[in-house]
Amino acid sequence: MNKFNLNLGEGATNRLAFTLAEVLITLAIIGVVAALTIPSVITNYQNTQTATTLKKAYSTIANTTNLAIKDHGPISGWVDDIGAYGFQSSKIYAEKYVIPYLRISKNCANSNEPSCTHKIKFYNTSGELSSLETTNYANFYLADGTFVAIGTNNAGTGANQFLNAQVFIDVNGLKQPNTLGKDVFIYIHYLISYGKDIGGKLHPHCIHDENLKCVLSESINNCKKGGNNVSCAHLIMQNGWKIPSKEEYVRMGGDADKYPW
């Protein structure tokens, strides 16, 4: 390595230093390494934040049913109160059986202001980007800024009675990308099935067996690049509340080329 002497004046000693070319080469190498590693570090950090916030919101919302049962009795007695499918039913369910047991920063109620009008993007069966407007849902924000939209589905009577609620969780509020599987995840709050009170089990949206257990192969099919991604929440839960890496996604049965994250 070539060195040159720096004469610092009378009384100073001569010191060895790097040439300008060597300094520039070193900086260039550091820049290349940073360009290759920093995006990965940022992505990993964002994925960790997403999964952590999602787990917190899931646990908080799942616990509301048990608390509501203590105050209002068995879920079978809620049916007439909640009413049929629609915004008013969703509002009654959310404001009586969910929101009182949460720390929220804002209840959107009937508001049409921009912060309460949420469009959730997803890919339809044709592979085209579509959006779902949550105006027919009960919308509110948790204290940490997580956006939640709840829509009830009450159908049938007697032994054919069904009552459940779709629960959308957007871990970063209205910030982009507002897309299923990225920052928005969907769960189903199963309340009554075939006329039986099943205790308000909160499950990820998935194709499930008779025990409400998600079928992993179906979840992979509904969580992939260009897919509707309604089942991505299940894969995150299945992976110990961590967004799977590409290698983990493949081990679950997914196609590396269709890795959704």
C-alpha atoms as a PDB file:
ATOM      1  CA  MET A   1       0.000   0.000   0.000  1.00  0.00           C
ATOM      2  CA  ASN A   2       1.468   3.360  -1.042  1.00  0.00           C
ATOM      3  CA  LYS A   3       1.855   5.945   1.664  1.00  0.00           C
ATOM      4  CA  PHE A   4       2.984   9.556   1.615  1.00  0.00           C
ATOM      5  CA  ASN A   5       4.385  11.839   4.301  1.00  0.00           C
ATOM      6  CA  LEU A   6       2.390  14.681   5.776  1.00  0.00           C
ATOM      7  CA  ASN A   7       4.641  17.563   6.789  1.00  0.00           C
ATOM      8  CA  LEU A   8       2.735  19.343   9.519  1.00  0.00           C
ATOM      9  CA  GLY A   9       5.290  22.051  10.073  1.00  0.00           C
ATOM     10  CA  GLU A  10       8.130  22.706  12.456  1.00  0.00           C
ATOM     11  CA  GLY A  11       8.109  20.453  15.486  1.00  0.00           C
ATOM     12  CA  ALA A  12       5.594  18.064  14.026  1.00  0.00           C
ATOM     13  CA  THR A  13       6.347  14.464  13.246  1.00  0.00           C
ATOM     14  CA  ASN A  14       5.759  12.861   9.880  1.00  0.00           C
ATOM     15  CA  ARG A  15       2.755  10.499   9.881  1.00  0.00           C
ATOM     16  CA  LEU A  16       1.602   7.806   7.515  1.00  0.00           C
ATOM     17  CA  ALA A  17      -1.866   8.300   5.925  1.00  0.00           C
ATOM     18  CA  PHE A  18      -4.087   6.681   3.297  1.00  0.00           C
ATOM     19  CA  THR A  19      -4.102   8.115  -0.178  1.00  0.00           C
ATOM     20  CA  LEU A  20      -7.228   9.838  -1.445  1.00  0.00           C
ATOM     21  CA  ALA A  21      -7.835   6.959  -3.848  1.00  0.00           C
ATOM     22  CA  GLU A  22      -7.746   4.440  -1.017  1.00  0.00           C
ATOM     23  CA  VAL A  23     -10.231   6.471   1.032  1.00  0.00           C
ATOM     24  CA  LEU A  24     -12.615   6.733  -1.919  1.00  0.00           C
ATOM     25  CA  ILE A  25     -12.394   3.010  -2.617  1.00  0.00           C
ATOM     26  CA  THR A  26     -13.165   2.230   1.051  1.00  0.00           C
ATOM     27  CA  LEU A  27     -16.172   4.567   1.036  1.00  0.00           C
ATOM     28  CA  ALA A  28     -17.419   2.987  -2.175  1.00  0.00           C
ATOM     29  CA  ILE A  29     -17.222  -0.499  -0.626  1.00  0.00           C
ATOM     30  CA  ILE A  30     -19.071   0.689   2.492  1.00  0.00           C
ATOM     31  CA  GLY A  31     -21.744   2.260   0.260  1.00  0.00           C
ATOM     32  CA  VAL A  32     -22.261  -0.960  -1.689  1.00  0.00           C
ATOM     33  CA  VAL A  33     -22.522  -3.038   1.493  1.00  0.00           C
ATOM     34  CA  ALA A  34     -24.987  -0.544   2.996  1.00  0.00           C
ATOM     35  CA  ALA A  35     -27.106  -0.545  -0.168  1.00  0.00           C
ATOM     36  CA  LEU A  36     -27.318  -4.332  -0.014  1.00  0.00           C
ATOM     37  CA  THR A  37     -28.029  -4.700   3.705  1.00  0.00           C
ATOM     38  CA  ILE A  38     -30.013  -1.646   4.866  1.00  0.00           C
ATOM     39  CA  PRO A  39     -33.200  -2.406   2.845  1.00  0.00           C
ATOM     40  CA  SER A  40     -33.246  -5.913   4.325  1.00  0.00           C
ATOM     41  CA  VAL A  41     -32.778  -4.544   7.853  1.00  0.00           C
ATOM     42  CA  ILE A  42     -35.594  -2.037   7.335  1.00  0.00           C
ATOM     43  CA  THR A  43     -37.922  -4.711   5.927  1.00  0.00           C
ATOM     44  CA  ASN A  44     -37.200  -7.064   8.823  1.00  0.00           C
ATOM     45  CA  TYR A  45     -37.872  -4.279  11.316  1.00  0.00           C
ATOM     46  CA  GLN A  46     -41.160  -3.342   9.620  1.00  0.00           C
ATOM     47  CA  ASN A  47     -42.272  -6.982   9.492  1.00  0.00           C
ATOM     48  CA  THR A  48     -41.502  -7.396  13.192  1.00  0.00           C
ATOM     49  CA  GLN A  49     -43.486  -4.258  14.033  1.00  0.00           C
ATOM     50  CA  THR A  50     -46.416  -5.445  11.916  1.00  0.00           C
ATOM     51  CA  ALA A  51     -46.567  -8.881  13.552  1.00  0.00           C
ATOM     52  CA  THR A  52     -46.161  -7.459  17.070  1.00  0.00           C
ATOM     53  CA  THR A  53     -48.953  -4.905  16.616  1.00  0.00           C
ATOM     54  CA  LEU A  54     -51.192  -7.523  15.004  1.00  0.00           C
ATOM     55  CA  LYS A  55     -50.704  -9.969  17.876  1.00  0.00           C
ATOM     56  CA  LYS A  56     -51.515  -7.265  20.429  1.00  0.00           C
ATOM     57  CA  ALA A  57     -54.695  -6.207  18.610  1.00  0.00           C
ATOM     58  CA  TYR A  58     -55.799  -9.819  18.094  1.00  0.00           C
ATOM     59  CA  SER A  59     -55.346 -10.712  21.761  1.00  0.00           C
ATOM     60  CA  THR A  60     -57.131  -7.573  22.905  1.00  0.00           C
ATOM     61  CA  ILE A  61     -60.149  -8.032  20.630  1.00  0.00           C
ATOM     62  CA  ALA A  62     -60.379 -11.795  21.246  1.00  0.00           C
ATOM     63  CA  ASN A  63     -60.712 -11.163  24.975  1.00  0.00           C
ATOM     64  CA  THR A  64     -63.701  -8.838  24.604  1.00  0.00           C
ATOM     65  CA  THR A  65     -66.165 -11.700  24.124  1.00  0.00           C
ATOM     66  CA  ASN A  66     -65.435 -13.312  27.480  1.00  0.00           C
ATOM     67  CA  LEU A  67     -65.801  -9.938  29.196  1.00  0.00           C
ATOM     68  CA  ALA A  68     -69.065  -9.214  27.356  1.00  0.00           C
ATOM     69  CA  ILE A  69     -70.492 -12.620  28.319  1.00  0.00           C
ATOM     70  CA  LYS A  70     -69.898 -11.796  31.991  1.00  0.00           C
ATOM     71  CA  ASP A  71     -71.876  -8.552  31.613  1.00  0.00           C
ATOM     72  CA  HIS A  72     -74.575  -9.583  29.118  1.00  0.00           C
ATOM     73  CA  GLY A  73     -74.964 -13.328  29.467  1.00  0.00           C
ATOM     74  CA  PRO A  74     -74.611 -16.056  26.788  1.00  0.00           C
ATOM     75  CA  ILE A  75     -74.161 -15.024  23.158  1.00  0.00           C
ATOM     76  CA  SER A  76     -77.421 -16.760  22.222  1.00  0.00           C
ATOM     77  CA  GLY A  77     -79.183 -13.919  24.005  1.00  0.00           C
ATOM     78  CA  TRP A  78     -77.456 -11.262  21.884  1.00  0.00           C
ATOM     79  CA  VAL A  79     -79.047 -12.262  18.571  1.00  0.00           C
ATOM     80  CA  ASP A  80     -82.271 -10.270  18.744  1.00  0.00           C
ATOM     81  CA  ASP A  81     -80.380  -7.293  20.122  1.00  0.00           C
ATOM     82  CA  ILE A  82     -77.832  -7.236  17.301  1.00  0.00           C
ATOM     83  CA  GLY A  83     -80.380  -7.672  14.515  1.00  0.00           C
ATOM     84  CA  ALA A  84     -79.869  -8.583  10.872  1.00  0.00           C
ATOM     85  CA  TYR A  85     -76.843  -7.928   8.664  1.00  0.00           C
ATOM     86  CA  GLY A  86     -76.012  -4.270   8.016  1.00  0.00           C
ATOM     87  CA  PHE A  87     -74.341  -1.186   9.434  1.00  0.00           C
ATOM     88  CA  GLN A  88     -76.765  -0.746  12.330  1.00  0.00           C
ATOM     89  CA  SER A  89     -76.249  -4.343  13.464  1.00  0.00           C
ATOM     90  CA  SER A  90     -72.478  -3.939  13.250  1.00  0.00           C
ATOM     91  CA  LYS A  91     -72.686  -0.700  15.221  1.00  0.00           C
ATOM     92  CA  ILE A  92     -74.800  -2.295  17.975  1.00  0.00           C
ATOM     93  CA  TYR A  93     -72.456  -5.275  18.252  1.00  0.00           C
ATOM     94  CA  ALA A  94     -69.295  -3.141  18.321  1.00  0.00           C
ATOM     95  CA  GLU A  95     -70.567  -0.463  20.696  1.00  0.00           C
ATOM     96  CA  LYS A  96     -72.197  -2.836  23.183  1.00  0.00           C
ATOM     97  CA  TYR A  97     -70.157  -6.030  23.075  1.00  0.00           C
ATOM     98  CA  VAL A  98     -66.673  -4.947  21.923  1.00  0.00           C
ATOM     99  CA  ILE A  99     -65.702  -1.284  22.353  1.00  0.00           C
ATOM    100  CA  PRO A 100     -66.541  -0.994  26.104  1.00  0.00           C
ATOM    101  CA  TYR A 101     -63.804  -3.542  26.800  1.00  0.00           C
ATOM    102  CA  LEU A 102     -61.095  -1.793  24.767  1.00  0.00           C
ATOM    103  CA  ARG A 103     -58.966   1.317  25.113  1.00  0.00           C
ATOM    104  CA  ILE A 104     -59.840   3.306  22.008  1.00  0.00           C
ATOM    105  CA  SER A 105     -58.753   6.724  20.792  1.00  0.00           C
ATOM    106  CA  LYS A 106     -61.668   7.285  18.420  1.00  0.00           C
ATOM    107  CA  ASN A 107     -65.058   5.766  17.645  1.00  0.00           C
ATOM    108  CA  CYS A 108     -66.038   6.646  14.091  1.00  0.00           C
ATOM    109  CA  ALA A 109     -69.755   5.844  14.676  1.00  0.00           C
ATOM    110  CA  ASN A 110     -71.610   7.436  11.733  1.00  0.00           C
ATOM    111  CA  SER A 111     -68.760   9.740  10.716  1.00  0.00           C
ATOM    112  CA  ASN A 112     -67.835  10.096   7.050  1.00  0.00           C
ATOM    113  CA  GLU A 113     -64.718  12.148   7.700  1.00  0.00           C
ATOM    114  CA  PRO A 114     -61.555  11.022   5.845  1.00  0.00           C
ATOM    115  CA  SER A 115     -59.972   9.353   8.889  1.00  0.00           C
ATOM    116  CA  CYS A 116     -63.033   7.123   9.221  1.00  0.00           C
ATOM    117  CA  THR A 117     -63.472   6.248   5.542  1.00  0.00           C
ATOM    118  CA  HIS A 118     -61.182   3.326   4.880  1.00  0.00           C
ATOM    119  CA  LYS A 119     -60.568   1.567   1.565  1.00  0.00           C
ATOM    120  CA  ILE A 120     -58.902  -1.813   1.925  1.00  0.00           C
ATOM    121  CA  LYS A 121     -57.141  -3.056  -1.193  1.00  0.00           C
ATOM    122  CA  PHE A 122     -56.969  -6.688  -2.279  1.00  0.00           C
ATOM    123  CA  TYR A 123     -56.591  -8.763  -5.447  1.00  0.00           C
ATOM    124  CA  ASN A 124     -59.815 -10.272  -6.758  1.00  0.00           C
ATOM    125  CA  THR A 125     -60.209 -13.691  -8.362  1.00  0.00           C
ATOM    126  CA  SER A 126     -59.125 -12.228 -11.709  1.00  0.00           C
ATOM    127  CA  GLY A 127     -55.875 -10.976 -10.201  1.00  0.00           C
ATOM    128  CA  GLU A 128     -56.974  -7.349 -10.456  1.00  0.00           C
ATOM    129  CA  LEU A 129     -56.508  -4.869  -7.617  1.00  0.00           C
ATOM    130  CA  SER A 130     -59.859  -4.038  -6.009  1.00  0.00           C
ATOM    131  CA  SER A 131     -60.894  -2.258  -2.828  1.00  0.00           C
ATOM    132  CA  LEU A 132     -63.383  -2.752  -0.024  1.00  0.00           C
ATOM    133  CA  GLU A 133     -65.059   0.317   1.488  1.00  0.00           C
ATOM    134  CA  THR A 134     -65.740  -0.120   5.216  1.00  0.00           C
ATOM    135  CA  THR A 135     -68.668   2.327   5.388  1.00  0.00           C
ATOM    136  CA  ASN A 136     -71.018  -0.560   6.293  1.00  0.00           C
ATOM    137  CA  TYR A 137     -68.742  -1.570   9.141  1.00  0.00           C
ATOM    138  CA  ALA A 138     -68.357  -0.225  12.666  1.00  0.00           C
ATOM    139  CA  ASN A 139     -64.996   1.557  12.540  1.00  0.00           C
ATOM    140  CA  PHE A 140     -62.801   2.682  15.414  1.00  0.00           C
ATOM    141  CA  TYR A 141     -59.178   3.215  16.442  1.00  0.00           C
ATOM    142  CA  LEU A 142     -57.425   1.479  19.297  1.00  0.00           C
ATOM    143  CA  ALA A 143     -55.331   3.617  21.631  1.00  0.00           C
ATOM    144  CA  ASP A 144     -52.118   2.751  19.743  1.00  0.00           C
ATOM    145  CA  GLY A 145     -53.546   3.931  16.398  1.00  0.00           C
ATOM    146  CA  THR A 146     -54.560   0.520  15.037  1.00  0.00           C
ATOM    147  CA  PHE A 147     -57.670   0.796  12.857  1.00  0.00           C
ATOM    148  CA  VAL A 148     -60.433  -1.781  13.361  1.00  0.00           C
ATOM    149  CA  ALA A 149     -63.526  -2.390  11.210  1.00  0.00           C
ATOM    150  CA  ILE A 150     -66.219  -4.853  12.321  1.00  0.00           C
ATOM    151  CA  GLY A 151     -69.130  -6.124  10.228  1.00  0.00           C
ATOM    152  CA  THR A 152     -71.662  -8.619  11.579  1.00  0.00           C
ATOM    153  CA  ASN A 153     -73.374 -11.409   9.685  1.00  0.00           C
ATOM    154  CA  ASN A 154     -76.561 -12.686  11.322  1.00  0.00           C
ATOM    155  CA  ALA A 155     -78.527 -15.241   9.310  1.00  0.00           C
ATOM    156  CA  GLY A 156     -80.927 -18.152   9.686  1.00  0.00           C
ATOM    157  CA  THR A 157     -83.009 -19.260  12.635  1.00  0.00           C
ATOM    158  CA  GLY A 158     -83.111 -22.141  15.085  1.00  0.00           C
ATOM    159  CA  ALA A 159     -80.734 -24.950  14.246  1.00  0.00           C
ATOM    160  CA  ASN A 160     -79.606 -22.983  11.172  1.00  0.00           C
ATOM    161  CA  GLN A 161     -78.771 -19.790  13.097  1.00  0.00           C
ATOM    162  CA  PHE A 162     -75.397 -18.229  12.331  1.00  0.00           C
ATOM    163  CA  LEU A 163     -73.848 -15.151  13.905  1.00  0.00           C
ATOM    164  CA  ASN A 164     -70.314 -13.996  13.252  1.00  0.00           C
ATOM    165  CA  ALA A 165     -68.386 -10.814  12.703  1.00  0.00           C
ATOM    166  CA  GLN A 166     -65.673  -9.979  10.198  1.00  0.00           C
ATOM    167  CA  VAL A 167     -62.885  -8.086  11.923  1.00  0.00           C
ATOM    168  CA  PHE A 168     -60.395  -6.095   9.833  1.00  0.00           C
ATOM    169  CA  ILE A 169     -57.246  -4.926  11.622  1.00  0.00           C
ATOM    170  CA  ASP A 170     -55.033  -2.296   9.967  1.00  0.00           C
ATOM    171  CA  VAL A 171     -51.870  -2.187  12.056  1.00  0.00           C
ATOM    172  CA  ASN A 172     -50.785   1.286  10.875  1.00  0.00           C
ATOM    173  CA  GLY A 173     -54.123   3.063  10.572  1.00  0.00           C
ATOM    174  CA  LEU A 174     -54.657   4.900   7.303  1.00  0.00           C
ATOM    175  CA  LYS A 175     -51.008   4.798   6.275  1.00  0.00           C
ATOM    176  CA  GLN A 176     -50.236   2.978   3.036  1.00  0.00           C
ATOM    177  CA  PRO A 177     -50.345   0.402   1.604  1.00  0.00           C
ATOM    178  CA  ASN A 178     -53.794  -0.396   3.185  1.00  0.00           C
ATOM    179  CA  THR A 179     -53.627  -3.823   1.543  1.00  0.00           C
ATOM    180  CA  LEU A 180     -54.756  -7.231   2.781  1.00  0.00           C
ATOM    181  CA  GLY A 181     -51.785  -9.327   3.839  1.00  0.00           C
ATOM    182  CA  LYS A 182     -49.448  -6.328   4.052  1.00  0.00           C
ATOM    183  CA  ASP A 183     -50.761  -4.076   6.810  1.00  0.00           C
ATOM    184  CA  VAL A 184     -54.422  -5.186   6.917  1.00  0.00           C
ATOM    185  CA  PHE A 185     -55.501  -8.576   8.242  1.00  0.00           C
ATOM    186  CA  ILE A 186     -58.910 -10.182   8.550  1.00  0.00           C
ATOM    187  CA  TYR A 187     -60.316 -12.383  11.311  1.00  0.00           C
ATOM    188  CA  ILE A 188     -63.715 -13.933  11.890  1.00  0.00           C
ATOM    189  CA  HIS A 189     -65.362 -13.760  15.311  1.00  0.00           C
ATOM    190  CA  TYR A 190     -67.451 -16.943  15.375  1.00  0.00           C
ATOM    191  CA  LEU A 191     -70.315 -16.453  17.838  1.00  0.00           C
ATOM    192  CA  ILE A 192     -73.139 -18.848  16.899  1.00  0.00           C
ATOM    193  CA  SER A 193     -72.820 -21.750  14.477  1.00  0.00           C
ATOM    194  CA  TYR A 194     -75.700 -24.049  13.491  1.00  0.00           C
ATOM    195  CA  GLY A 195     -77.739 -22.634  16.334  1.00  0.00           C
ATOM    196  CA  LYS A 196     -75.104 -23.331  18.976  1.00  0.00           C
ATOM    197  CA  ASP A 197     -73.366 -20.725  21.093  1.00  0.00           C
ATOM    198  CA  ILE A 198     -69.658 -21.399  20.455  1.00  0.00           C
ATOM    199  CA  GLY A 199     -68.236 -18.821  22.835  1.00  0.00           C
ATOM    200  CA  GLY A 200     -66.946 -16.154  20.484  1.00  0.00           C
ATOM    201  CA  LYS A 201     -63.844 -17.763  19.026  1.00  0.00           C
ATOM    202  CA  LEU A 202     -61.711 -15.305  17.047  1.00  0.00           C
ATOM    203  CA  HIS A 203     -60.061 -17.066  14.110  1.00  0.00           C
ATOM    204  CA  PRO A 204     -58.039 -15.926  11.128  1.00  0.00           C
ATOM    205  CA  HIS A 205     -60.049 -15.914   7.897  1.00  0.00           C
ATOM    206  CA  CYS A 206     -59.359 -19.286   6.290  1.00  0.00           C
ATOM    207  CA  ILE A 207     -60.813 -22.459   4.870  1.00  0.00           C
ATOM    208  CA  HIS A 208     -61.282 -24.567   7.989  1.00  0.00           C
ATOM    209  CA  ASP A 209     -62.311 -28.032   9.039  1.00  0.00           C
ATOM    210  CA  GLU A 210     -65.303 -28.932  11.203  1.00  0.00           C
ATOM    211  CA  ASN A 211     -63.370 -27.922  14.334  1.00  0.00           C
ATOM    212  CA  LEU A 212     -62.718 -24.412  12.967  1.00  0.00           C
ATOM    213  CA  LYS A 213     -59.074 -25.323  12.447  1.00  0.00           C
ATOM    214  CA  CYS A 214     -57.486 -23.644   9.439  1.00  0.00           C
ATOM    215  CA  VAL A 215     -56.261 -25.911   6.637  1.00  0.00           C
ATOM    216  CA  LEU A 216     -52.682 -24.814   5.974  1.00  0.00           C
ATOM    217  CA  SER A 217     -52.640 -25.718   2.281  1.00  0.00           C
ATOM    218  CA  GLU A 218     -55.742 -23.572   1.706  1.00  0.00           C
ATOM    219  CA  SER A 219     -54.201 -20.688   3.651  1.00  0.00           C
ATOM    220  CA  ILE A 220     -51.123 -20.815   1.408  1.00  0.00           C
ATOM    221  CA  ASN A 221     -53.443 -20.677  -1.601  1.00  0.00           C
ATOM    222  CA  ASN A 222     -55.077 -17.558  -0.136  1.00  0.00           C
ATOM    223  CA  CYS A 223     -51.840 -15.848   0.853  1.00  0.00           C
ATOM    224  CA  LYS A 224     -49.607 -15.351  -2.157  1.00  0.00           C
ATOM    225  CA  LYS A 225     -48.408 -12.657  -4.522  1.00  0.00           C
ATOM    226  CA  GLY A 226     -51.353 -11.500  -6.621  1.00  0.00           C
ATOM    227  CA  GLY A 227     -53.843 -13.379  -4.434  1.00  0.00           C
ATOM    228  CA  ASN A 228     -56.608 -12.009  -2.219  1.00  0.00           C
ATOM    229  CA  ASN A 229     -54.389 -12.607   0.856  1.00  0.00           C
ATOM    230  CA  VAL A 230     -57.331 -13.107   3.226  1.00  0.00           C
ATOM    231  CA  SER A 231     -55.473 -15.958   4.969  1.00  0.00           C
ATOM    232  CA  CYS A 232     -52.113 -14.275   5.603  1.00  0.00           C
ATOM    233  CA  ALA A 233     -53.055 -13.731   9.255  1.00  0.00           C
ATOM    234  CA  HIS A 234     -53.188 -17.506   9.687  1.00  0.00           C
ATOM    235  CA  LEU A 235     -49.668 -17.984   8.342  1.00  0.00           C
ATOM    236  CA  ILE A 236     -48.338 -15.330  10.715  1.00  0.00           C
ATOM    237  CA  MET A 237     -50.040 -17.020  13.674  1.00  0.00           C
ATOM    238  CA  GLN A 238     -48.850 -20.439  12.444  1.00  0.00           C
ATOM    239  CA  ASN A 239     -45.288 -19.078  12.357  1.00  0.00           C
ATOM    240  CA  GLY A 240     -45.289 -18.024  15.996  1.00  0.00           C
ATOM    241  CA  TRP A 241     -46.626 -14.521  15.357  1.00  0.00           C
ATOM    242  CA  LYS A 242     -43.840 -13.691  12.912  1.00  0.00           C
ATOM    243  CA  ILE A 243     -44.182 -12.882   9.226  1.00  0.00           C
ATOM    244  CA  PRO A 244     -42.620 -15.928   7.536  1.00  0.00           C
ATOM    245  CA  SER A 245     -39.385 -15.478   5.638  1.00  0.00           C
ATOM    246  CA  LYS A 246     -39.361 -16.736   2.065  1.00  0.00           C
ATOM    247  CA  GLU A 247     -37.656 -19.940   3.239  1.00  0.00           C
ATOM    248  CA  GLU A 248     -40.283 -20.479   5.956  1.00  0.00           C
ATOM    249  CA  TYR A 249     -43.072 -19.769   3.465  1.00  0.00           C
ATOM    250  CA  VAL A 250     -41.685 -22.445   1.135  1.00  0.00           C
ATOM    251  CA  ARG A 251     -41.424 -24.938   4.014  1.00  0.00           C
ATOM    252  CA  MET A 252     -45.106 -24.323   4.719  1.00  0.00           C
ATOM    253  CA  GLY A 253     -45.864 -25.354   1.158  1.00  0.00           C
ATOM    254  CA  GLY A 254     -45.753 -22.041  -0.667  1.00  0.00           C
ATOM    255  CA  ASP A 255     -44.140 -21.165  -4.001  1.00  0.00           C
ATOM    256  CA  ALA A 256     -41.023 -18.997  -3.620  1.00  0.00           C
ATOM    257  CA  ASP A 257     -42.010 -16.979  -6.706  1.00  0.00           C
ATOM    258  CA  LYS A 258     -45.352 -16.151  -5.083  1.00  0.00           C
ATOM    259  CA  TYR A 259     -43.996 -15.072  -1.687  1.00  0.00           C
ATOM    260  CA  PRO A 260     -46.392 -12.274  -0.659  1.00  0.00           C
ATOM    261  CA  TRP A 261     -44.178 -10.193   1.636  1.00  0.00           C
END
